[in-house]
Amino acid sequence: MNWYLAKLVYRFITGNGQHTPQFNEQLRVVEAEDSLHAFYKARQIGEQETVKITSNGMLIQWQFVDVAALHHLSKSTDGAEVWSVMHQDEDAAVYEKHTKQQAKILLQEGLNEFNPNFCS
């Protein structure tokens, strides 16, 4: 088994969403056979953590966008840093499109690693 660092991106929406788009980026450590399995495992984690709750009458949502980066860790590192950042972006559609493009590239790389004869 191998260790990977996966960057998961979530969109944070409160109320009716009429606010500057906010995103949360998280680095997660994932153990998997290869990068393809790590990608899908990270995606599964993100999808499982999609949340909609109502607090004090206001809808709060964490929407999983996708896996934006995946890095193989050559060895399990004691004290590995796990990182998260919240930021706002004026153009949510561009940010989400970029994240989806990154995920598509990662998926293709994983498929190529899993099956070198795979044609895109």
PDB file of N, CA and C in Angstrom:
ATOM      1  N   MET A   1       0.839  -1.183   0.000  1.00  0.00           N
ATOM      2  CA  MET A   1       0.000   0.000   0.000  1.00  0.00           C
ATOM      3  C   MET A   1       0.882   1.243   0.000  1.00  0.00           C
ATOM      4  N   ASN A   2       0.340   2.310  -0.551  1.00  0.00           N
ATOM      5  CA  ASN A   2       1.045   3.586  -0.661  1.00  0.00           C
ATOM      6  C   ASN A   2       0.245   4.676   0.036  1.00  0.00           C
ATOM      7  N   TRP A   3       0.951   5.746   0.385  1.00  0.00           N
ATOM      8  CA  TRP A   3       0.306   6.901   1.003  1.00  0.00           C
ATOM      9  C   TRP A   3       0.287   8.056   0.014  1.00  0.00           C
ATOM     10  N   TYR A   4      -0.845   8.767  -0.012  1.00  0.00           N
ATOM     11  CA  TYR A   4      -1.033   9.901  -0.914  1.00  0.00           C
ATOM     12  C   TYR A   4      -1.577  11.077  -0.110  1.00  0.00           C
ATOM     13  N   LEU A   5      -1.247  12.253  -0.576  1.00  0.00           N
ATOM     14  CA  LEU A   5      -1.805  13.472  -0.028  1.00  0.00           C
ATOM     15  C   LEU A   5      -2.796  13.996  -1.068  1.00  0.00           C
ATOM     16  N   ALA A   6      -4.054  14.103  -0.684  1.00  0.00           N
ATOM     17  CA  ALA A   6      -5.115  14.526  -1.603  1.00  0.00           C
ATOM     18  C   ALA A   6      -5.659  15.889  -1.179  1.00  0.00           C
ATOM     19  N   LYS A   7      -5.831  16.768  -2.145  1.00  0.00           N
ATOM     20  CA  LYS A   7      -6.422  18.083  -1.872  1.00  0.00           C
ATOM     21  C   LYS A   7      -7.898  18.026  -2.268  1.00  0.00           C
ATOM     22  N   LEU A   8      -8.774  18.162  -1.274  1.00  0.00           N
ATOM     23  CA  LEU A   8     -10.215  18.157  -1.495  1.00  0.00           C
ATOM     24  C   LEU A   8     -10.726  19.584  -1.431  1.00  0.00           C
ATOM     25  N   VAL A   9     -11.642  19.918  -2.319  1.00  0.00           N
ATOM     26  CA  VAL A   9     -12.204  21.266  -2.365  1.00  0.00           C
ATOM     27  C   VAL A   9     -13.707  21.193  -2.113  1.00  0.00           C
ATOM     28  N   TYR A  10     -14.159  22.036  -1.179  1.00  0.00           N
ATOM     29  CA  TYR A  10     -15.573  22.154  -0.849  1.00  0.00           C
ATOM     30  C   TYR A  10     -16.024  23.589  -1.074  1.00  0.00           C
ATOM     31  N   ARG A  11     -17.278  23.754  -1.431  1.00  0.00           N
ATOM     32  CA  ARG A  11     -17.890  25.088  -1.495  1.00  0.00           C
ATOM     33  C   ARG A  11     -18.781  25.219  -0.274  1.00  0.00           C
ATOM     34  N   PHE A  12     -18.650  26.343   0.413  1.00  0.00           N
ATOM     35  CA  PHE A  12     -19.411  26.622   1.623  1.00  0.00           C
ATOM     36  C   PHE A  12     -20.483  27.643   1.276  1.00  0.00           C
ATOM     37  N   ILE A  13     -21.741  27.283   1.509  1.00  0.00           N
ATOM     38  CA  ILE A  13     -22.864  28.172   1.164  1.00  0.00           C
ATOM     39  C   ILE A  13     -23.748  28.342   2.392  1.00  0.00           C
ATOM     40  N   THR A  14     -24.079  29.589   2.687  1.00  0.00           N
ATOM     41  CA  THR A  14     -25.017  29.868   3.770  1.00  0.00           C
ATOM     42  C   THR A  14     -26.246  30.546   3.199  1.00  0.00           C
ATOM     43  N   GLY A  15     -27.380  30.272   3.835  1.00  0.00           N
ATOM     44  CA  GLY A  15     -28.639  30.891   3.404  1.00  0.00           C
ATOM     45  C   GLY A  15     -28.942  30.579   1.952  1.00  0.00           C
ATOM     46  N   ASN A  16     -29.315  31.617   1.217  1.00  0.00           N
ATOM     47  CA  ASN A  16     -29.669  31.439  -0.193  1.00  0.00           C
ATOM     48  C   ASN A  16     -28.455  31.537  -1.113  1.00  0.00           C
ATOM     49  N   GLY A  17     -27.272  31.680  -0.539  1.00  0.00           N
ATOM     50  CA  GLY A  17     -26.050  31.701  -1.341  1.00  0.00           C
ATOM     51  C   GLY A  17     -25.739  33.048  -1.962  1.00  0.00           C
ATOM     52  N   GLN A  18     -26.453  34.081  -1.577  1.00  0.00           N
ATOM     53  CA  GLN A  18     -26.225  35.419  -2.132  1.00  0.00           C
ATOM     54  C   GLN A  18     -25.091  36.107  -1.375  1.00  0.00           C
ATOM     55  N   HIS A  19     -23.908  35.535  -1.475  1.00  0.00           N
ATOM     56  CA  HIS A  19     -22.719  36.090  -0.830  1.00  0.00           C
ATOM     57  C   HIS A  19     -21.521  35.738  -1.697  1.00  0.00           C
ATOM     58  N   THR A  20     -20.406  36.354  -1.410  1.00  0.00           N
ATOM     59  CA  THR A  20     -19.183  36.044  -2.151  1.00  0.00           C
ATOM     60  C   THR A  20     -18.885  34.557  -1.965  1.00  0.00           C
ATOM     61  N   PRO A  21     -18.691  33.825  -3.060  1.00  0.00           N
ATOM     62  CA  PRO A  21     -18.444  32.380  -2.945  1.00  0.00           C
ATOM     63  C   PRO A  21     -17.256  32.085  -2.031  1.00  0.00           C
ATOM     64  N   GLN A  22     -17.439  31.081  -1.182  1.00  0.00           N
ATOM     65  CA  GLN A  22     -16.402  30.665  -0.248  1.00  0.00           C
ATOM     66  C   GLN A  22     -16.053  29.207  -0.501  1.00  0.00           C
ATOM     67  N   PHE A  23     -14.764  28.911  -0.435  1.00  0.00           N
ATOM     68  CA  PHE A  23     -14.289  27.552  -0.668  1.00  0.00           C
ATOM     69  C   PHE A  23     -13.376  27.128   0.462  1.00  0.00           C
ATOM     70  N   ASN A  24     -13.395  25.852   0.749  1.00  0.00           N
ATOM     71  CA  ASN A  24     -12.514  25.270   1.748  1.00  0.00           C
ATOM     72  C   ASN A  24     -11.672  24.219   1.037  1.00  0.00           C
ATOM     73  N   GLU A  25     -10.347  24.337   1.169  1.00  0.00           N
ATOM     74  CA  GLU A  25      -9.426  23.372   0.585  1.00  0.00           C
ATOM     75  C   GLU A  25      -8.787  22.607   1.731  1.00  0.00           C
ATOM     76  N   GLN A  26      -8.797  21.281   1.628  1.00  0.00           N
ATOM     77  CA  GLN A  26      -8.252  20.447   2.693  1.00  0.00           C
ATOM     78  C   GLN A  26      -7.261  19.457   2.100  1.00  0.00           C
ATOM     79  N   LEU A  27      -6.165  19.235   2.798  1.00  0.00           N
ATOM     80  CA  LEU A  27      -5.228  18.185   2.434  1.00  0.00           C
ATOM     81  C   LEU A  27      -5.523  16.990   3.324  1.00  0.00           C
ATOM     82  N   ARG A  28      -5.699  15.838   2.696  1.00  0.00           N
ATOM     83  CA  ARG A  28      -6.004  14.614   3.422  1.00  0.00           C
ATOM     84  C   ARG A  28      -4.977  13.546   3.069  1.00  0.00           C
ATOM     85  N   VAL A  29      -4.620  12.732   4.040  1.00  0.00           N
ATOM     86  CA  VAL A  29      -3.729  11.606   3.809  1.00  0.00           C
ATOM     87  C   VAL A  29      -4.604  10.392   3.500  1.00  0.00           C
ATOM     88  N   VAL A  30      -4.277   9.719   2.380  1.00  0.00           N
ATOM     89  CA  VAL A  30      -5.063   8.579   1.916  1.00  0.00           C
ATOM     90  C   VAL A  30      -4.123   7.403   1.654  1.00  0.00           C
ATOM     91  N   GLU A  31      -4.510   6.233   2.129  1.00  0.00           N
ATOM     92  CA  GLU A  31      -3.741   5.026   1.862  1.00  0.00           C
ATOM     93  C   GLU A  31      -4.456   4.242   0.767  1.00  0.00           C
ATOM     94  N   ALA A  32      -3.698   3.880  -0.281  1.00  0.00           N
ATOM     95  CA  ALA A  32      -4.299   3.154  -1.402  1.00  0.00           C
ATOM     96  C   ALA A  32      -3.235   2.369  -2.154  1.00  0.00           C
ATOM     97  N   GLU A  33      -3.704   1.458  -2.964  1.00  0.00           N
ATOM     98  CA  GLU A  33      -2.837   0.603  -3.777  1.00  0.00           C
ATOM     99  C   GLU A  33      -2.037   1.407  -4.797  1.00  0.00           C
ATOM    100  N   ASP A  34      -2.697   2.369  -5.434  1.00  0.00           N
ATOM    101  CA  ASP A  34      -2.071   3.176  -6.480  1.00  0.00           C
ATOM    102  C   ASP A  34      -2.814   4.500  -6.577  1.00  0.00           C
ATOM    103  N   SER A  35      -2.355   5.367  -7.480  1.00  0.00           N
ATOM    104  CA  SER A  35      -2.945   6.713  -7.556  1.00  0.00           C
ATOM    105  C   SER A  35      -4.401   6.694  -8.014  1.00  0.00           C
ATOM    106  N   LEU A  36      -4.770   5.762  -8.857  1.00  0.00           N
ATOM    107  CA  LEU A  36      -6.169   5.687  -9.295  1.00  0.00           C
ATOM    108  C   LEU A  36      -7.077   5.389  -8.102  1.00  0.00           C
ATOM    109  N   HIS A  37      -6.697   4.399  -7.303  1.00  0.00           N
ATOM    110  CA  HIS A  37      -7.499   4.066  -6.129  1.00  0.00           C
ATOM    111  C   HIS A  37      -7.479   5.199  -5.104  1.00  0.00           C
ATOM    112  N   ALA A  38      -6.344   5.876  -4.984  1.00  0.00           N
ATOM    113  CA  ALA A  38      -6.257   7.019  -4.064  1.00  0.00           C
ATOM    114  C   ALA A  38      -7.199   8.134  -4.507  1.00  0.00           C
ATOM    115  N   PHE A  39      -7.238   8.388  -5.814  1.00  0.00           N
ATOM    116  CA  PHE A  39      -8.127   9.427  -6.349  1.00  0.00           C
ATOM    117  C   PHE A  39      -9.581   9.105  -6.008  1.00  0.00           C
ATOM    118  N   TYR A  40     -10.004   7.878  -6.294  1.00  0.00           N
ATOM    119  CA  TYR A  40     -11.390   7.504  -6.027  1.00  0.00           C
ATOM    120  C   TYR A  40     -11.699   7.473  -4.532  1.00  0.00           C
ATOM    121  N   LYS A  41     -10.735   7.064  -3.732  1.00  0.00           N
ATOM    122  CA  LYS A  41     -10.936   7.049  -2.281  1.00  0.00           C
ATOM    123  C   LYS A  41     -11.094   8.475  -1.759  1.00  0.00           C
ATOM    124  N   ALA A  42     -10.258   9.389  -2.237  1.00  0.00           N
ATOM    125  CA  ALA A  42     -10.361  10.792  -1.836  1.00  0.00           C
ATOM    126  C   ALA A  42     -11.701  11.384  -2.279  1.00  0.00           C
ATOM    127  N   ARG A  43     -12.128  11.047  -3.474  1.00  0.00           N
ATOM    128  CA  ARG A  43     -13.412  11.537  -3.986  1.00  0.00           C
ATOM    129  C   ARG A  43     -14.557  11.003  -3.122  1.00  0.00           C
ATOM    130  N   GLN A  44     -14.465   9.748  -2.733  1.00  0.00           N
ATOM    131  CA  GLN A  44     -15.492   9.148  -1.879  1.00  0.00           C
ATOM    132  C   GLN A  44     -15.549   9.855  -0.522  1.00  0.00           C
ATOM    133  N   ILE A  45     -14.394  10.159   0.048  1.00  0.00           N
ATOM    134  CA  ILE A  45     -14.346  10.890   1.317  1.00  0.00           C
ATOM    135  C   ILE A  45     -15.049  12.234   1.162  1.00  0.00           C
ATOM    136  N   GLY A  46     -14.727  12.954   0.090  1.00  0.00           N
ATOM    137  CA  GLY A  46     -15.345  14.257  -0.152  1.00  0.00           C
ATOM    138  C   GLY A  46     -16.849  14.177  -0.294  1.00  0.00           C
ATOM    139  N   GLU A  47     -17.312  13.189  -1.048  1.00  0.00           N
ATOM    140  CA  GLU A  47     -18.752  13.044  -1.263  1.00  0.00           C
ATOM    141  C   GLU A  47     -19.475  12.672   0.024  1.00  0.00           C
ATOM    142  N   GLN A  48     -18.828  11.857   0.872  1.00  0.00           N
ATOM    143  CA  GLN A  48     -19.446  11.470   2.142  1.00  0.00           C
ATOM    144  C   GLN A  48     -19.550  12.644   3.102  1.00  0.00           C
ATOM    145  N   GLU A  49     -18.715  13.640   2.914  1.00  0.00           N
ATOM    146  CA  GLU A  49     -18.712  14.773   3.837  1.00  0.00           C
ATOM    147  C   GLU A  49     -19.525  15.959   3.321  1.00  0.00           C
ATOM    148  N   THR A  50     -20.257  15.765   2.243  1.00  0.00           N
ATOM    149  CA  THR A  50     -21.187  16.798   1.783  1.00  0.00           C
ATOM    150  C   THR A  50     -22.304  16.896   2.822  1.00  0.00           C
ATOM    151  N   VAL A  51     -22.565  18.119   3.289  1.00  0.00           N
ATOM    152  CA  VAL A  51     -23.500  18.302   4.395  1.00  0.00           C
ATOM    153  C   VAL A  51     -24.458  19.450   4.100  1.00  0.00           C
ATOM    154  N   LYS A  52     -25.715  19.254   4.496  1.00  0.00           N
ATOM    155  CA  LYS A  52     -26.715  20.325   4.498  1.00  0.00           C
ATOM    156  C   LYS A  52     -27.363  20.287   5.868  1.00  0.00           C
ATOM    157  N   ILE A  53     -27.267  21.408   6.587  1.00  0.00           N
ATOM    158  CA  ILE A  53     -27.909  21.493   7.901  1.00  0.00           C
ATOM    159  C   ILE A  53     -28.634  22.825   8.016  1.00  0.00           C
ATOM    160  N   THR A  54     -29.565  22.889   8.927  1.00  0.00           N
ATOM    161  CA  THR A  54     -30.239  24.147   9.231  1.00  0.00           C
ATOM    162  C   THR A  54     -29.879  24.516  10.658  1.00  0.00           C
ATOM    163  N   SER A  55     -29.331  25.714  10.805  1.00  0.00           N
ATOM    164  CA  SER A  55     -28.936  26.207  12.116  1.00  0.00           C
ATOM    165  C   SER A  55     -29.583  27.569  12.335  1.00  0.00           C
ATOM    166  N   ASN A  56     -30.342  27.679  13.378  1.00  0.00           N
ATOM    167  CA  ASN A  56     -31.067  28.923  13.674  1.00  0.00           C
ATOM    168  C   ASN A  56     -31.892  29.391  12.479  1.00  0.00           C
ATOM    169  N   GLY A  57     -32.505  28.455  11.772  1.00  0.00           N
ATOM    170  CA  GLY A  57     -33.350  28.781  10.630  1.00  0.00           C
ATOM    171  C   GLY A  57     -32.598  29.086   9.347  1.00  0.00           C
ATOM    172  N   MET A  58     -31.253  28.995   9.357  1.00  0.00           N
ATOM    173  CA  MET A  58     -30.472  29.280   8.155  1.00  0.00           C
ATOM    174  C   MET A  58     -29.867  27.995   7.610  1.00  0.00           C
ATOM    175  N   LEU A  59     -30.011  27.796   6.299  1.00  0.00           N
ATOM    176  CA  LEU A  59     -29.433  26.636   5.644  1.00  0.00           C
ATOM    177  C   LEU A  59     -27.923  26.825   5.499  1.00  0.00           C
ATOM    178  N   ILE A  60     -27.167  25.826   5.890  1.00  0.00           N
ATOM    179  CA  ILE A  60     -25.710  25.827   5.746  1.00  0.00           C
ATOM    180  C   ILE A  60     -25.324  24.577   4.960  1.00  0.00           C
ATOM    181  N   GLN A  61     -24.528  24.768   3.897  1.00  0.00           N
ATOM    182  CA  GLN A  61     -24.167  23.647   3.037  1.00  0.00           C
ATOM    183  C   GLN A  61     -22.662  23.570   2.824  1.00  0.00           C
ATOM    184  N   TRP A  62     -22.135  22.357   2.856  1.00  0.00           N
ATOM    185  CA  TRP A  62     -20.778  22.058   2.424  1.00  0.00           C
ATOM    186  C   TRP A  62     -20.955  21.182   1.190  1.00  0.00           C
ATOM    187  N   GLN A  63     -20.627  21.719   0.025  1.00  0.00           N
ATOM    188  CA  GLN A  63     -20.760  20.965  -1.217  1.00  0.00           C
ATOM    189  C   GLN A  63     -19.376  20.548  -1.690  1.00  0.00           C
ATOM    190  N   PHE A  64     -19.193  19.258  -1.900  1.00  0.00           N
ATOM    191  CA  PHE A  64     -17.920  18.764  -2.399  1.00  0.00           C
ATOM    192  C   PHE A  64     -17.792  19.137  -3.871  1.00  0.00           C
ATOM    193  N   VAL A  65     -16.678  19.794  -4.238  1.00  0.00           N
ATOM    194  CA  VAL A  65     -16.428  20.170  -5.633  1.00  0.00           C
ATOM    195  C   VAL A  65     -15.676  19.040  -6.319  1.00  0.00           C
ATOM    196  N   ASP A  66     -14.479  18.698  -5.836  1.00  0.00           N
ATOM    197  CA  ASP A  66     -13.730  17.570  -6.392  1.00  0.00           C
ATOM    198  C   ASP A  66     -12.344  17.488  -5.762  1.00  0.00           C
ATOM    199  N   VAL A  67     -11.572  16.519  -6.234  1.00  0.00           N
ATOM    200  CA  VAL A  67     -10.182  16.345  -5.810  1.00  0.00           C
ATOM    201  C   VAL A  67      -9.331  17.202  -6.743  1.00  0.00           C
ATOM    202  N   ALA A  68      -8.598  18.166  -6.198  1.00  0.00           N
ATOM    203  CA  ALA A  68      -7.848  19.116  -7.024  1.00  0.00           C
ATOM    204  C   ALA A  68      -6.376  18.763  -7.167  1.00  0.00           C
ATOM    205  N   ALA A  69      -5.852  17.914  -6.295  1.00  0.00           N
ATOM    206  CA  ALA A  69      -4.439  17.521  -6.383  1.00  0.00           C
ATOM    207  C   ALA A  69      -4.255  16.197  -5.666  1.00  0.00           C
ATOM    208  N   LEU A  70      -3.257  15.465  -6.128  1.00  0.00           N
ATOM    209  CA  LEU A  70      -2.938  14.183  -5.525  1.00  0.00           C
ATOM    210  C   LEU A  70      -1.430  13.982  -5.615  1.00  0.00           C
ATOM    211  N   HIS A  71      -0.785  13.757  -4.476  1.00  0.00           N
ATOM    212  CA  HIS A  71       0.663  13.597  -4.442  1.00  0.00           C
ATOM    213  C   HIS A  71       1.025  12.318  -3.709  1.00  0.00           C
ATOM    214  N   HIS A  72       1.861  11.506  -4.359  1.00  0.00           N
ATOM    215  CA  HIS A  72       2.343  10.277  -3.734  1.00  0.00           C
ATOM    216  C   HIS A  72       3.376  10.644  -2.671  1.00  0.00           C
ATOM    217  N   LEU A  73       3.215  10.090  -1.480  1.00  0.00           N
ATOM    218  CA  LEU A  73       4.192  10.293  -0.419  1.00  0.00           C
ATOM    219  C   LEU A  73       5.135   9.095  -0.447  1.00  0.00           C
ATOM    220  N   SER A  74       6.412   9.357  -0.605  1.00  0.00           N
ATOM    221  CA  SER A  74       7.370   8.275  -0.780  1.00  0.00           C
ATOM    222  C   SER A  74       7.471   7.359   0.434  1.00  0.00           C
ATOM    223  N   LYS A  75       7.231   7.901   1.611  1.00  0.00           N
ATOM    224  CA  LYS A  75       7.180   7.082   2.816  1.00  0.00           C
ATOM    225  C   LYS A  75       6.263   7.772   3.816  1.00  0.00           C
ATOM    226  N   SER A  76       5.714   6.990   4.711  1.00  0.00           N
ATOM    227  CA  SER A  76       4.862   7.565   5.736  1.00  0.00           C
ATOM    228  C   SER A  76       5.720   8.482   6.615  1.00  0.00           C
ATOM    229  N   THR A  77       5.333   9.723   6.709  1.00  0.00           N
ATOM    230  CA  THR A  77       6.123  10.717   7.411  1.00  0.00           C
ATOM    231  C   THR A  77       5.489  11.045   8.753  1.00  0.00           C
ATOM    232  N   ASP A  78       6.261  10.843   9.803  1.00  0.00           N
ATOM    233  CA  ASP A  78       5.788  11.175  11.138  1.00  0.00           C
ATOM    234  C   ASP A  78       5.569  12.683  11.227  1.00  0.00           C
ATOM    235  N   GLY A  79       4.428  13.078  11.730  1.00  0.00           N
ATOM    236  CA  GLY A  79       4.139  14.499  11.890  1.00  0.00           C
ATOM    237  C   GLY A  79       3.732  15.184  10.596  1.00  0.00           C
ATOM    238  N   ALA A  80       3.249  14.416   9.608  1.00  0.00           N
ATOM    239  CA  ALA A  80       2.838  15.002   8.327  1.00  0.00           C
ATOM    240  C   ALA A  80       1.804  16.109   8.559  1.00  0.00           C
ATOM    241  N   GLU A  81       1.963  17.206   7.870  1.00  0.00           N
ATOM    242  CA  GLU A  81       1.060  18.340   8.015  1.00  0.00           C
ATOM    243  C   GLU A  81      -0.219  18.106   7.224  1.00  0.00           C
ATOM    244  N   VAL A  82      -1.340  18.398   7.838  1.00  0.00           N
ATOM    245  CA  VAL A  82      -2.640  18.378   7.176  1.00  0.00           C
ATOM    246  C   VAL A  82      -3.106  19.826   7.168  1.00  0.00           C
ATOM    247  N   TRP A  83      -3.494  20.309   6.014  1.00  0.00           N
ATOM    248  CA  TRP A  83      -3.726  21.729   5.814  1.00  0.00           C
ATOM    249  C   TRP A  83      -5.147  21.983   5.350  1.00  0.00           C
ATOM    250  N   SER A  84      -5.709  23.101   5.780  1.00  0.00           N
ATOM    251  CA  SER A  84      -7.038  23.523   5.354  1.00  0.00           C
ATOM    252  C   SER A  84      -7.053  25.042   5.293  1.00  0.00           C
ATOM    253  N   VAL A  85      -7.721  25.576   4.277  1.00  0.00           N
ATOM    254  CA  VAL A  85      -7.826  27.028   4.152  1.00  0.00           C
ATOM    255  C   VAL A  85      -9.217  27.379   3.633  1.00  0.00           C
ATOM    256  N   MET A  86      -9.769  28.454   4.147  1.00  0.00           N
ATOM    257  CA  MET A  86     -11.060  28.959   3.685  1.00  0.00           C
ATOM    258  C   MET A  86     -10.787  30.273   2.966  1.00  0.00           C
ATOM    259  N   HIS A  87     -11.349  30.431   1.783  1.00  0.00           N
ATOM    260  CA  HIS A  87     -11.181  31.704   1.090  1.00  0.00           C
ATOM    261  C   HIS A  87     -12.419  32.010   0.273  1.00  0.00           C
ATOM    262  N   GLN A  88     -12.526  33.237  -0.142  1.00  0.00           N
ATOM    263  CA  GLN A  88     -13.640  33.673  -0.984  1.00  0.00           C
ATOM    264  C   GLN A  88     -13.115  33.922  -2.386  1.00  0.00           C
ATOM    265  N   ASP A  89     -13.961  33.665  -3.358  1.00  0.00           N
ATOM    266  CA  ASP A  89     -13.579  33.858  -4.749  1.00  0.00           C
ATOM    267  C   ASP A  89     -14.743  34.540  -5.459  1.00  0.00           C
ATOM    268  N   GLU A  90     -14.460  35.621  -6.138  1.00  0.00           N
ATOM    269  CA  GLU A  90     -15.514  36.402  -6.791  1.00  0.00           C
ATOM    270  C   GLU A  90     -16.245  35.622  -7.880  1.00  0.00           C
ATOM    271  N   ASP A  91     -15.551  34.679  -8.541  1.00  0.00           N
ATOM    272  CA  ASP A  91     -16.166  33.930  -9.634  1.00  0.00           C
ATOM    273  C   ASP A  91     -16.158  32.439  -9.303  1.00  0.00           C
ATOM    274  N   ALA A  92     -17.229  31.993  -8.673  1.00  0.00           N
ATOM    275  CA  ALA A  92     -17.322  30.602  -8.243  1.00  0.00           C
ATOM    276  C   ALA A  92     -17.264  29.638  -9.413  1.00  0.00           C
ATOM    277  N   ALA A  93     -17.880  29.987 -10.520  1.00  0.00           N
ATOM    278  CA  ALA A  93     -17.917  29.084 -11.678  1.00  0.00           C
ATOM    279  C   ALA A  93     -16.514  28.812 -12.210  1.00  0.00           C
ATOM    280  N   VAL A  94     -15.676  29.825 -12.284  1.00  0.00           N
ATOM    281  CA  VAL A  94     -14.299  29.649 -12.771  1.00  0.00           C
ATOM    282  C   VAL A  94     -13.506  28.783 -11.805  1.00  0.00           C
ATOM    283  N   TYR A  95     -13.649  29.051 -10.519  1.00  0.00           N
ATOM    284  CA  TYR A  95     -12.930  28.273  -9.510  1.00  0.00           C
ATOM    285  C   TYR A  95     -13.336  26.797  -9.576  1.00  0.00           C
ATOM    286  N   GLU A  96     -14.646  26.545  -9.630  1.00  0.00           N
ATOM    287  CA  GLU A  96     -15.130  25.173  -9.683  1.00  0.00           C
ATOM    288  C   GLU A  96     -14.717  24.491 -10.988  1.00  0.00           C
ATOM    289  N   LYS A  97     -14.740  25.208 -12.101  1.00  0.00           N
ATOM    290  CA  LYS A  97     -14.325  24.643 -13.373  1.00  0.00           C
ATOM    291  C   LYS A  97     -12.850  24.239 -13.321  1.00  0.00           C
ATOM    292  N   HIS A  98     -12.023  25.098 -12.752  1.00  0.00           N
ATOM    293  CA  HIS A  98     -10.600  24.801 -12.619  1.00  0.00           C
ATOM    294  C   HIS A  98     -10.396  23.546 -11.752  1.00  0.00           C
ATOM    295  N   THR A  99     -11.142  23.447 -10.658  1.00  0.00           N
ATOM    296  CA  THR A  99     -11.039  22.286  -9.777  1.00  0.00           C
ATOM    297  C   THR A  99     -11.437  21.016 -10.524  1.00  0.00           C
ATOM    298  N   LYS A 100     -12.519  21.079 -11.291  1.00  0.00           N
ATOM    299  CA  LYS A 100     -12.972  19.911 -12.069  1.00  0.00           C
ATOM    300  C   LYS A 100     -11.942  19.527 -13.135  1.00  0.00           C
ATOM    301  N   GLN A 101     -11.307  20.519 -13.770  1.00  0.00           N
ATOM    302  CA  GLN A 101     -10.268  20.232 -14.764  1.00  0.00           C
ATOM    303  C   GLN A 101      -9.092  19.522 -14.114  1.00  0.00           C
ATOM    304  N   GLN A 102      -8.704  19.973 -12.918  1.00  0.00           N
ATOM    305  CA  GLN A 102      -7.608  19.333 -12.189  1.00  0.00           C
ATOM    306  C   GLN A 102      -7.977  17.886 -11.858  1.00  0.00           C
ATOM    307  N   ALA A 103      -9.224  17.667 -11.454  1.00  0.00           N
ATOM    308  CA  ALA A 103      -9.676  16.316 -11.124  1.00  0.00           C
ATOM    309  C   ALA A 103      -9.641  15.414 -12.360  1.00  0.00           C
ATOM    310  N   LYS A 104     -10.025  15.942 -13.496  1.00  0.00           N
ATOM    311  CA  LYS A 104     -10.008  15.160 -14.744  1.00  0.00           C
ATOM    312  C   LYS A 104      -8.578  14.740 -15.101  1.00  0.00           C
ATOM    313  N   ILE A 105      -7.635  15.655 -14.933  1.00  0.00           N
ATOM    314  CA  ILE A 105      -6.225  15.348 -15.206  1.00  0.00           C
ATOM    315  C   ILE A 105      -5.736  14.252 -14.256  1.00  0.00           C
ATOM    316  N   LEU A 106      -6.079  14.369 -12.966  1.00  0.00           N
ATOM    317  CA  LEU A 106      -5.667  13.368 -11.985  1.00  0.00           C
ATOM    318  C   LEU A 106      -6.254  11.998 -12.313  1.00  0.00           C
ATOM    319  N   LEU A 107      -7.509  11.980 -12.710  1.00  0.00           N
ATOM    320  CA  LEU A 107      -8.154  10.727 -13.072  1.00  0.00           C
ATOM    321  C   LEU A 107      -7.447  10.088 -14.259  1.00  0.00           C
ATOM    322  N   GLN A 108      -7.132  10.881 -15.277  1.00  0.00           N
ATOM    323  CA  GLN A 108      -6.447  10.367 -16.457  1.00  0.00           C
ATOM    324  C   GLN A 108      -5.067   9.824 -16.085  1.00  0.00           C
ATOM    325  N   GLU A 109      -4.345  10.556 -15.247  1.00  0.00           N
ATOM    326  CA  GLU A 109      -3.019  10.089 -14.812  1.00  0.00           C
ATOM    327  C   GLU A 109      -3.136   8.772 -14.055  1.00  0.00           C
ATOM    328  N   GLY A 110      -4.155   8.655 -13.201  1.00  0.00           N
ATOM    329  CA  GLY A 110      -4.370   7.417 -12.459  1.00  0.00           C
ATOM    330  C   GLY A 110      -4.706   6.253 -13.366  1.00  0.00           C
ATOM    331  N   LEU A 111      -5.554   6.509 -14.366  1.00  0.00           N
ATOM    332  CA  LEU A 111      -5.894   5.461 -15.329  1.00  0.00           C
ATOM    333  C   LEU A 111      -4.661   5.028 -16.106  1.00  0.00           C
ATOM    334  N   ASN A 112      -3.828   5.978 -16.497  1.00  0.00           N
ATOM    335  CA  ASN A 112      -2.606   5.661 -17.235  1.00  0.00           C
ATOM    336  C   ASN A 112      -1.645   4.848 -16.372  1.00  0.00           C
ATOM    337  N   GLU A 113      -1.563   5.188 -15.081  1.00  0.00           N
ATOM    338  CA  GLU A 113      -0.685   4.443 -14.176  1.00  0.00           C
ATOM    339  C   GLU A 113      -1.220   3.037 -13.950  1.00  0.00           C
ATOM    340  N   PHE A 114      -2.542   2.937 -13.786  1.00  0.00           N
ATOM    341  CA  PHE A 114      -3.183   1.656 -13.519  1.00  0.00           C
ATOM    342  C   PHE A 114      -3.100   0.737 -14.728  1.00  0.00           C
ATOM    343  N   ASN A 115      -3.277   1.313 -15.923  1.00  0.00           N
ATOM    344  CA  ASN A 115      -3.224   0.556 -17.168  1.00  0.00           C
ATOM    345  C   ASN A 115      -2.460   1.364 -18.199  1.00  0.00           C
ATOM    346  N   PRO A 116      -1.142   1.145 -18.314  1.00  0.00           N
ATOM    347  CA  PRO A 116      -0.313   1.939 -19.241  1.00  0.00           C
ATOM    348  C   PRO A 116      -0.760   1.854 -20.699  1.00  0.00           C
ATOM    349  N   ASN A 117      -1.519   0.830 -21.035  1.00  0.00           N
ATOM    350  CA  ASN A 117      -1.986   0.680 -22.417  1.00  0.00           C
ATOM    351  C   ASN A 117      -3.317   1.374 -22.660  1.00  0.00           C
ATOM    352  N   PHE A 118      -3.850   2.022 -21.619  1.00  0.00           N
ATOM    353  CA  PHE A 118      -5.123   2.729 -21.722  1.00  0.00           C
ATOM    354  C   PHE A 118      -4.973   3.943 -22.636  1.00  0.00           C
ATOM    355  N   CYS A 119      -5.849   4.061 -23.595  1.00  0.00           N
ATOM    356  CA  CYS A 119      -5.807   5.212 -24.514  1.00  0.00           C
ATOM    357  C   CYS A 119      -6.859   6.219 -24.071  1.00  0.00           C
ATOM    358  N   SER A 120      -6.479   7.491 -24.069  1.00  0.00           N
ATOM    359  CA  SER A 120      -7.438   8.534 -23.656  1.00  0.00           C
ATOM    360  C   SER A 120      -8.328   8.933 -24.795  1.00  0.00           C
TER     361      SER A 120
END
